[in-house]
Amino acid sequence: MSEEIKVVEVERRSWYNNPEGFDKWRIFPRILITLYGVMFYKTCDWFMTLPDPTNSQSAFVSVIVGAGAAWFGLYLGKK
């Protein structure tokens, strides 16, 4: 009785050729939310150092904050 040994080659997957794992880790949304945090911090720091902010400058900061709320809602909304 001879047994047949079947050899199966499995392709080794790494992070750059594994789209399911790459998507599961949510690399790009995490990078973007981190970059938004940096932009938010720098914008608020800039605005607080202004001696007499104008209406257009405060509107600019409001847009940055509002965009962050929308982006964060999209980030948490996807599973």
PDB file of N, CA and C in Angstrom:
ATOM      1  N   MET A   1       0.821  -1.180   0.000  1.00  0.00           N
ATOM      2  CA  MET A   1       0.000   0.000   0.000  1.00  0.00           C
ATOM      3  C   MET A   1       0.867   1.245   0.000  1.00  0.00           C
ATOM      4  N   SER A   2       0.824   1.904  -1.063  1.00  0.00           N
ATOM      5  CA  SER A   2       1.595   3.147  -1.112  1.00  0.00           C
ATOM      6  C   SER A   2       0.641   4.331  -1.021  1.00  0.00           C
ATOM      7  N   GLU A   3       1.024   5.266  -0.211  1.00  0.00           N
ATOM      8  CA  GLU A   3       0.212   6.474  -0.049  1.00  0.00           C
ATOM      9  C   GLU A   3       0.714   7.550  -1.001  1.00  0.00           C
ATOM     10  N   GLU A   4      -0.225   8.251  -1.550  1.00  0.00           N
ATOM     11  CA  GLU A   4       0.162   9.364  -2.405  1.00  0.00           C
ATOM     12  C   GLU A   4       0.251  10.626  -1.556  1.00  0.00           C
ATOM     13  N   ILE A   5       1.325  11.303  -1.734  1.00  0.00           N
ATOM     14  CA  ILE A   5       1.516  12.560  -1.021  1.00  0.00           C
ATOM     15  C   ILE A   5       1.254  13.688  -2.007  1.00  0.00           C
ATOM     16  N   LYS A   6       0.313  14.509  -1.640  1.00  0.00           N
ATOM     17  CA  LYS A   6      -0.056  15.617  -2.507  1.00  0.00           C
ATOM     18  C   LYS A   6       0.601  16.890  -1.978  1.00  0.00           C
ATOM     19  N   VAL A   7       1.355  17.544  -2.809  1.00  0.00           N
ATOM     20  CA  VAL A   7       2.037  18.778  -2.435  1.00  0.00           C
ATOM     21  C   VAL A   7       1.247  19.951  -3.018  1.00  0.00           C
ATOM     22  N   VAL A   8       0.881  20.840  -2.144  1.00  0.00           N
ATOM     23  CA  VAL A   8       0.147  22.028  -2.564  1.00  0.00           C
ATOM     24  C   VAL A   8       0.989  23.250  -2.234  1.00  0.00           C
ATOM     25  N   GLU A   9       1.256  24.051  -3.249  1.00  0.00           N
ATOM     26  CA  GLU A   9       2.002  25.280  -3.010  1.00  0.00           C
ATOM     27  C   GLU A   9       1.025  26.395  -2.663  1.00  0.00           C
ATOM     28  N   VAL A  10       1.325  27.086  -1.595  1.00  0.00           N
ATOM     29  CA  VAL A  10       0.490  28.192  -1.141  1.00  0.00           C
ATOM     30  C   VAL A  10       1.253  29.480  -1.366  1.00  0.00           C
ATOM     31  N   GLU A  11       0.573  30.404  -2.031  1.00  0.00           N
ATOM     32  CA  GLU A  11       1.212  31.691  -2.283  1.00  0.00           C
ATOM     33  C   GLU A  11       1.293  32.472  -0.975  1.00  0.00           C
ATOM     34  N   ARG A  12       2.477  32.899  -0.656  1.00  0.00           N
ATOM     35  CA  ARG A  12       2.660  33.671   0.566  1.00  0.00           C
ATOM     36  C   ARG A  12       2.174  35.093   0.330  1.00  0.00           C
ATOM     37  N   ARG A  13       1.268  35.546   1.183  1.00  0.00           N
ATOM     38  CA  ARG A  13       0.702  36.878   1.035  1.00  0.00           C
ATOM     39  C   ARG A  13       1.311  37.798   2.080  1.00  0.00           C
ATOM     40  N   SER A  14       1.638  38.975   1.646  1.00  0.00           N
ATOM     41  CA  SER A  14       2.150  39.976   2.574  1.00  0.00           C
ATOM     42  C   SER A  14       1.194  41.168   2.561  1.00  0.00           C
ATOM     43  N   TRP A  15       1.530  42.210   3.263  1.00  0.00           N
ATOM     44  CA  TRP A  15       0.609  43.333   3.427  1.00  0.00           C
ATOM     45  C   TRP A  15       0.310  44.032   2.112  1.00  0.00           C
ATOM     46  N   TYR A  16       1.226  44.056   1.174  1.00  0.00           N
ATOM     47  CA  TYR A  16       1.010  44.802  -0.055  1.00  0.00           C
ATOM     48  C   TYR A  16       0.282  44.014  -1.130  1.00  0.00           C
ATOM     49  N   ASN A  17       0.193  42.692  -1.005  1.00  0.00           N
ATOM     50  CA  ASN A  17      -0.586  41.939  -1.978  1.00  0.00           C
ATOM     51  C   ASN A  17      -1.718  41.153  -1.326  1.00  0.00           C
ATOM     52  N   ASN A  18      -2.189  41.651  -0.220  1.00  0.00           N
ATOM     53  CA  ASN A  18      -3.309  41.056   0.478  1.00  0.00           C
ATOM     54  C   ASN A  18      -4.379  42.128   0.659  1.00  0.00           C
ATOM     55  N   PRO A  19      -5.235  42.336  -0.353  1.00  0.00           N
ATOM     56  CA  PRO A  19      -6.192  43.448  -0.260  1.00  0.00           C
ATOM     57  C   PRO A  19      -7.203  43.295   0.874  1.00  0.00           C
ATOM     58  N   GLU A  20      -7.556  42.063   1.220  1.00  0.00           N
ATOM     59  CA  GLU A  20      -8.528  41.872   2.304  1.00  0.00           C
ATOM     60  C   GLU A  20      -7.934  42.330   3.640  1.00  0.00           C
ATOM     61  N   GLY A  21      -6.706  41.941   3.908  1.00  0.00           N
ATOM     62  CA  GLY A  21      -6.047  42.354   5.145  1.00  0.00           C
ATOM     63  C   GLY A  21      -5.781  43.846   5.175  1.00  0.00           C
ATOM     64  N   PHE A  22      -5.376  44.372   4.028  1.00  0.00           N
ATOM     65  CA  PHE A  22      -5.090  45.805   3.932  1.00  0.00           C
ATOM     66  C   PHE A  22      -6.358  46.611   4.190  1.00  0.00           C
ATOM     67  N   ASP A  23      -7.482  46.139   3.660  1.00  0.00           N
ATOM     68  CA  ASP A  23      -8.755  46.811   3.870  1.00  0.00           C
ATOM     69  C   ASP A  23      -9.239  46.644   5.308  1.00  0.00           C
ATOM     70  N   LYS A  24      -8.983  45.485   5.878  1.00  0.00           N
ATOM     71  CA  LYS A  24      -9.407  45.219   7.250  1.00  0.00           C
ATOM     72  C   LYS A  24      -8.670  46.111   8.243  1.00  0.00           C
ATOM     73  N   TRP A  25      -7.410  46.413   7.961  1.00  0.00           N
ATOM     74  CA  TRP A  25      -6.618  47.257   8.859  1.00  0.00           C
ATOM     75  C   TRP A  25      -7.010  48.728   8.752  1.00  0.00           C
ATOM     76  N   ARG A  26      -7.701  49.105   7.672  1.00  0.00           N
ATOM     77  CA  ARG A  26      -8.157  50.481   7.443  1.00  0.00           C
ATOM     78  C   ARG A  26      -6.998  51.471   7.528  1.00  0.00           C
ATOM     79  N   ILE A  27      -5.967  51.196   6.749  1.00  0.00           N
ATOM     80  CA  ILE A  27      -4.755  52.019   6.768  1.00  0.00           C
ATOM     81  C   ILE A  27      -5.047  53.452   6.329  1.00  0.00           C
ATOM     82  N   PHE A  28      -5.669  53.615   5.164  1.00  0.00           N
ATOM     83  CA  PHE A  28      -5.865  54.960   4.624  1.00  0.00           C
ATOM     84  C   PHE A  28      -6.807  55.808   5.473  1.00  0.00           C
ATOM     85  N   PRO A  29      -7.941  55.279   5.949  1.00  0.00           N
ATOM     86  CA  PRO A  29      -8.758  56.131   6.831  1.00  0.00           C
ATOM     87  C   PRO A  29      -8.029  56.544   8.107  1.00  0.00           C
ATOM     88  N   ARG A  30      -7.207  55.667   8.650  1.00  0.00           N
ATOM     89  CA  ARG A  30      -6.470  56.018   9.867  1.00  0.00           C
ATOM     90  C   ARG A  30      -5.427  57.088   9.601  1.00  0.00           C
ATOM     91  N   ILE A  31      -4.774  56.992   8.456  1.00  0.00           N
ATOM     92  CA  ILE A  31      -3.796  58.021   8.094  1.00  0.00           C
ATOM     93  C   ILE A  31      -4.498  59.362   7.892  1.00  0.00           C
ATOM     94  N   LEU A  32      -5.639  59.333   7.189  1.00  0.00           N
ATOM     95  CA  LEU A  32      -6.356  60.581   6.922  1.00  0.00           C
ATOM     96  C   LEU A  32      -6.913  61.206   8.193  1.00  0.00           C
ATOM     97  N   ILE A  33      -7.431  60.412   9.111  1.00  0.00           N
ATOM     98  CA  ILE A  33      -7.968  60.984  10.350  1.00  0.00           C
ATOM     99  C   ILE A  33      -6.829  61.552  11.205  1.00  0.00           C
ATOM    100  N   THR A  34      -5.651  60.929  11.138  1.00  0.00           N
ATOM    101  CA  THR A  34      -4.488  61.461  11.853  1.00  0.00           C
ATOM    102  C   THR A  34      -4.036  62.787  11.250  1.00  0.00           C
ATOM    103  N   LEU A  35      -4.000  62.841   9.917  1.00  0.00           N
ATOM    104  CA  LEU A  35      -3.623  64.092   9.253  1.00  0.00           C
ATOM    105  C   LEU A  35      -4.646  65.192   9.528  1.00  0.00           C
ATOM    106  N   TYR A  36      -5.921  64.827   9.598  1.00  0.00           N
ATOM    107  CA  TYR A  36      -6.926  65.828   9.953  1.00  0.00           C
ATOM    108  C   TYR A  36      -6.682  66.351  11.372  1.00  0.00           C
ATOM    109  N   GLY A  37      -6.334  65.472  12.285  1.00  0.00           N
ATOM    110  CA  GLY A  37      -6.051  65.908  13.656  1.00  0.00           C
ATOM    111  C   GLY A  37      -4.913  66.902  13.707  1.00  0.00           C
ATOM    112  N   VAL A  38      -3.873  66.662  12.927  1.00  0.00           N
ATOM    113  CA  VAL A  38      -2.736  67.596  12.869  1.00  0.00           C
ATOM    114  C   VAL A  38      -3.183  68.931  12.276  1.00  0.00           C
ATOM    115  N   MET A  39      -3.972  68.865  11.195  1.00  0.00           N
ATOM    116  CA  MET A  39      -4.449  70.093  10.562  1.00  0.00           C
ATOM    117  C   MET A  39      -5.365  70.873  11.512  1.00  0.00           C
ATOM    118  N   PHE A  40      -6.218  70.158  12.231  1.00  0.00           N
ATOM    119  CA  PHE A  40      -7.112  70.800  13.194  1.00  0.00           C
ATOM    120  C   PHE A  40      -6.314  71.505  14.287  1.00  0.00           C
ATOM    121  N   TYR A  41      -5.296  70.823  14.804  1.00  0.00           N
ATOM    122  CA  TYR A  41      -4.467  71.420  15.853  1.00  0.00           C
ATOM    123  C   TYR A  41      -3.758  72.675  15.353  1.00  0.00           C
ATOM    124  N   LYS A  42      -3.158  72.590  14.174  1.00  0.00           N
ATOM    125  CA  LYS A  42      -2.418  73.743  13.646  1.00  0.00           C
ATOM    126  C   LYS A  42      -3.351  74.910  13.320  1.00  0.00           C
ATOM    127  N   THR A  43      -4.549  74.595  12.822  1.00  0.00           N
ATOM    128  CA  THR A  43      -5.512  75.656  12.516  1.00  0.00           C
ATOM    129  C   THR A  43      -5.969  76.361  13.792  1.00  0.00           C
ATOM    130  N   CYS A  44      -6.286  75.577  14.815  1.00  0.00           N
ATOM    131  CA  CYS A  44      -6.717  76.183  16.082  1.00  0.00           C
ATOM    132  C   CYS A  44      -5.587  76.977  16.727  1.00  0.00           C
ATOM    133  N   ASP A  45      -4.383  76.450  16.648  1.00  0.00           N
ATOM    134  CA  ASP A  45      -3.233  77.171  17.195  1.00  0.00           C
ATOM    135  C   ASP A  45      -3.027  78.494  16.461  1.00  0.00           C
ATOM    136  N   TRP A  46      -3.143  78.461  15.136  1.00  0.00           N
ATOM    137  CA  TRP A  46      -3.002  79.683  14.337  1.00  0.00           C
ATOM    138  C   TRP A  46      -4.093  80.693  14.709  1.00  0.00           C
ATOM    139  N   PHE A  47      -5.335  80.211  14.829  1.00  0.00           N
ATOM    140  CA  PHE A  47      -6.448  81.112  15.109  1.00  0.00           C
ATOM    141  C   PHE A  47      -6.330  81.744  16.490  1.00  0.00           C
ATOM    142  N   MET A  48      -5.865  80.978  17.455  1.00  0.00           N
ATOM    143  CA  MET A  48      -5.764  81.516  18.822  1.00  0.00           C
ATOM    144  C   MET A  48      -4.635  82.526  18.975  1.00  0.00           C
ATOM    145  N   THR A  49      -3.663  82.497  18.065  1.00  0.00           N
ATOM    146  CA  THR A  49      -2.572  83.463  18.148  1.00  0.00           C
ATOM    147  C   THR A  49      -2.878  84.762  17.425  1.00  0.00           C
ATOM    148  N   LEU A  50      -3.995  84.824  16.703  1.00  0.00           N
ATOM    149  CA  LEU A  50      -4.356  86.059  16.003  1.00  0.00           C
ATOM    150  C   LEU A  50      -4.767  87.116  17.019  1.00  0.00           C
ATOM    151  N   PRO A  51      -4.267  88.343  16.878  1.00  0.00           N
ATOM    152  CA  PRO A  51      -4.623  89.384  17.847  1.00  0.00           C
ATOM    153  C   PRO A  51      -6.080  89.837  17.700  1.00  0.00           C
ATOM    154  N   ASP A  52      -6.552  89.979  16.466  1.00  0.00           N
ATOM    155  CA  ASP A  52      -7.934  90.418  16.227  1.00  0.00           C
ATOM    156  C   ASP A  52      -8.481  89.660  15.012  1.00  0.00           C
ATOM    157  N   PRO A  53      -9.047  88.455  15.237  1.00  0.00           N
ATOM    158  CA  PRO A  53      -9.509  87.661  14.088  1.00  0.00           C
ATOM    159  C   PRO A  53     -10.709  88.303  13.389  1.00  0.00           C
ATOM    160  N   THR A  54     -10.711  88.156  12.067  1.00  0.00           N
ATOM    161  CA  THR A  54     -11.819  88.694  11.267  1.00  0.00           C
ATOM    162  C   THR A  54     -12.900  87.625  11.111  1.00  0.00           C
ATOM    163  N   ASN A  55     -14.023  88.044  10.528  1.00  0.00           N
ATOM    164  CA  ASN A  55     -15.113  87.099  10.297  1.00  0.00           C
ATOM    165  C   ASN A  55     -14.717  86.006   9.312  1.00  0.00           C
ATOM    166  N   SER A  56     -13.958  86.352   8.293  1.00  0.00           N
ATOM    167  CA  SER A  56     -13.549  85.344   7.308  1.00  0.00           C
ATOM    168  C   SER A  56     -12.582  84.327   7.921  1.00  0.00           C
ATOM    169  N   GLN A  57     -11.742  84.767   8.829  1.00  0.00           N
ATOM    170  CA  GLN A  57     -10.831  83.832   9.493  1.00  0.00           C
ATOM    171  C   GLN A  57     -11.598  82.876  10.409  1.00  0.00           C
ATOM    172  N   SER A  58     -12.587  83.404  11.118  1.00  0.00           N
ATOM    173  CA  SER A  58     -13.380  82.524  11.976  1.00  0.00           C
ATOM    174  C   SER A  58     -14.255  81.584  11.145  1.00  0.00           C
ATOM    175  N   ALA A  59     -14.706  82.029   9.976  1.00  0.00           N
ATOM    176  CA  ALA A  59     -15.462  81.152   9.079  1.00  0.00           C
ATOM    177  C   ALA A  59     -14.569  80.031   8.554  1.00  0.00           C
ATOM    178  N   PHE A  60     -13.326  80.353   8.264  1.00  0.00           N
ATOM    179  CA  PHE A  60     -12.377  79.336   7.820  1.00  0.00           C
ATOM    180  C   PHE A  60     -12.190  78.248   8.883  1.00  0.00           C
ATOM    181  N   VAL A  61     -12.037  78.652  10.127  1.00  0.00           N
ATOM    182  CA  VAL A  61     -11.879  77.686  11.218  1.00  0.00           C
ATOM    183  C   VAL A  61     -13.156  76.866  11.386  1.00  0.00           C
ATOM    184  N   SER A  62     -14.309  77.488  11.224  1.00  0.00           N
ATOM    185  CA  SER A  62     -15.576  76.765  11.323  1.00  0.00           C
ATOM    186  C   SER A  62     -15.702  75.703  10.233  1.00  0.00           C
ATOM    187  N   VAL A  63     -15.230  76.018   9.046  1.00  0.00           N
ATOM    188  CA  VAL A  63     -15.257  75.033   7.956  1.00  0.00           C
ATOM    189  C   VAL A  63     -14.348  73.855   8.279  1.00  0.00           C
ATOM    190  N   ILE A  64     -13.172  74.125   8.814  1.00  0.00           N
ATOM    191  CA  ILE A  64     -12.246  73.050   9.187  1.00  0.00           C
ATOM    192  C   ILE A  64     -12.867  72.154  10.257  1.00  0.00           C
ATOM    193  N   VAL A  65     -13.492  72.753  11.259  1.00  0.00           N
ATOM    194  CA  VAL A  65     -14.107  71.977  12.333  1.00  0.00           C
ATOM    195  C   VAL A  65     -15.303  71.187  11.804  1.00  0.00           C
ATOM    196  N   GLY A  66     -16.122  71.798  10.962  1.00  0.00           N
ATOM    197  CA  GLY A  66     -17.274  71.105  10.388  1.00  0.00           C
ATOM    198  C   GLY A  66     -16.873  69.960   9.483  1.00  0.00           C
ATOM    199  N   ALA A  67     -15.828  70.153   8.704  1.00  0.00           N
ATOM    200  CA  ALA A  67     -15.341  69.078   7.846  1.00  0.00           C
ATOM    201  C   ALA A  67     -14.830  67.920   8.688  1.00  0.00           C
ATOM    202  N   GLY A  68     -14.236  68.238   9.811  1.00  0.00           N
ATOM    203  CA  GLY A  68     -13.748  67.181  10.706  1.00  0.00           C
ATOM    204  C   GLY A  68     -14.881  66.374  11.298  1.00  0.00           C
ATOM    205  N   ALA A  69     -15.967  67.034  11.653  1.00  0.00           N
ATOM    206  CA  ALA A  69     -17.122  66.310  12.185  1.00  0.00           C
ATOM    207  C   ALA A  69     -17.704  65.384  11.124  1.00  0.00           C
ATOM    208  N   ALA A  70     -17.797  65.865   9.895  1.00  0.00           N
ATOM    209  CA  ALA A  70     -18.304  65.032   8.808  1.00  0.00           C
ATOM    210  C   ALA A  70     -17.365  63.857   8.529  1.00  0.00           C
ATOM    211  N   TRP A  71     -16.065  64.135   8.484  1.00  0.00           N
ATOM    212  CA  TRP A  71     -15.094  63.079   8.204  1.00  0.00           C
ATOM    213  C   TRP A  71     -15.094  62.027   9.309  1.00  0.00           C
ATOM    214  N   PHE A  72     -15.184  62.464  10.558  1.00  0.00           N
ATOM    215  CA  PHE A  72     -15.188  61.527  11.666  1.00  0.00           C
ATOM    216  C   PHE A  72     -16.454  60.670  11.646  1.00  0.00           C
ATOM    217  N   GLY A  73     -17.581  61.264  11.274  1.00  0.00           N
ATOM    218  CA  GLY A  73     -18.814  60.481  11.147  1.00  0.00           C
ATOM    219  C   GLY A  73     -18.708  59.432  10.049  1.00  0.00           C
ATOM    220  N   LEU A  74     -18.085  59.775   8.936  1.00  0.00           N
ATOM    221  CA  LEU A  74     -17.873  58.795   7.866  1.00  0.00           C
ATOM    222  C   LEU A  74     -16.905  57.708   8.309  1.00  0.00           C
ATOM    223  N   TYR A  75     -15.897  58.086   9.043  1.00  0.00           N
ATOM    224  CA  TYR A  75     -14.892  57.127   9.519  1.00  0.00           C
ATOM    225  C   TYR A  75     -15.524  56.104  10.450  1.00  0.00           C
ATOM    226  N   LEU A  76     -16.383  56.548  11.342  1.00  0.00           N
ATOM    227  CA  LEU A  76     -17.009  55.629  12.294  1.00  0.00           C
ATOM    228  C   LEU A  76     -18.193  54.886  11.687  1.00  0.00           C
ATOM    229  N   GLY A  77     -18.779  55.442  10.648  1.00  0.00           N
ATOM    230  CA  GLY A  77     -19.968  54.831  10.054  1.00  0.00           C
ATOM    231  C   GLY A  77     -19.692  53.578   9.253  1.00  0.00           C
ATOM    232  N   LYS A  78     -18.516  53.421   8.692  1.00  0.00           N
ATOM    233  CA  LYS A  78     -18.177  52.247   7.891  1.00  0.00           C
ATOM    234  C   LYS A  78     -17.680  51.123   8.771  1.00  0.00           C
ATOM    235  N   LYS A  79     -18.085  49.924   8.436  1.00  0.00           N
ATOM    236  CA  LYS A  79     -17.609  48.763   9.195  1.00  0.00           C
ATOM    237  C   LYS A  79     -16.660  47.943   8.371  1.00  0.00           C
TER     238      LYS A  79
END
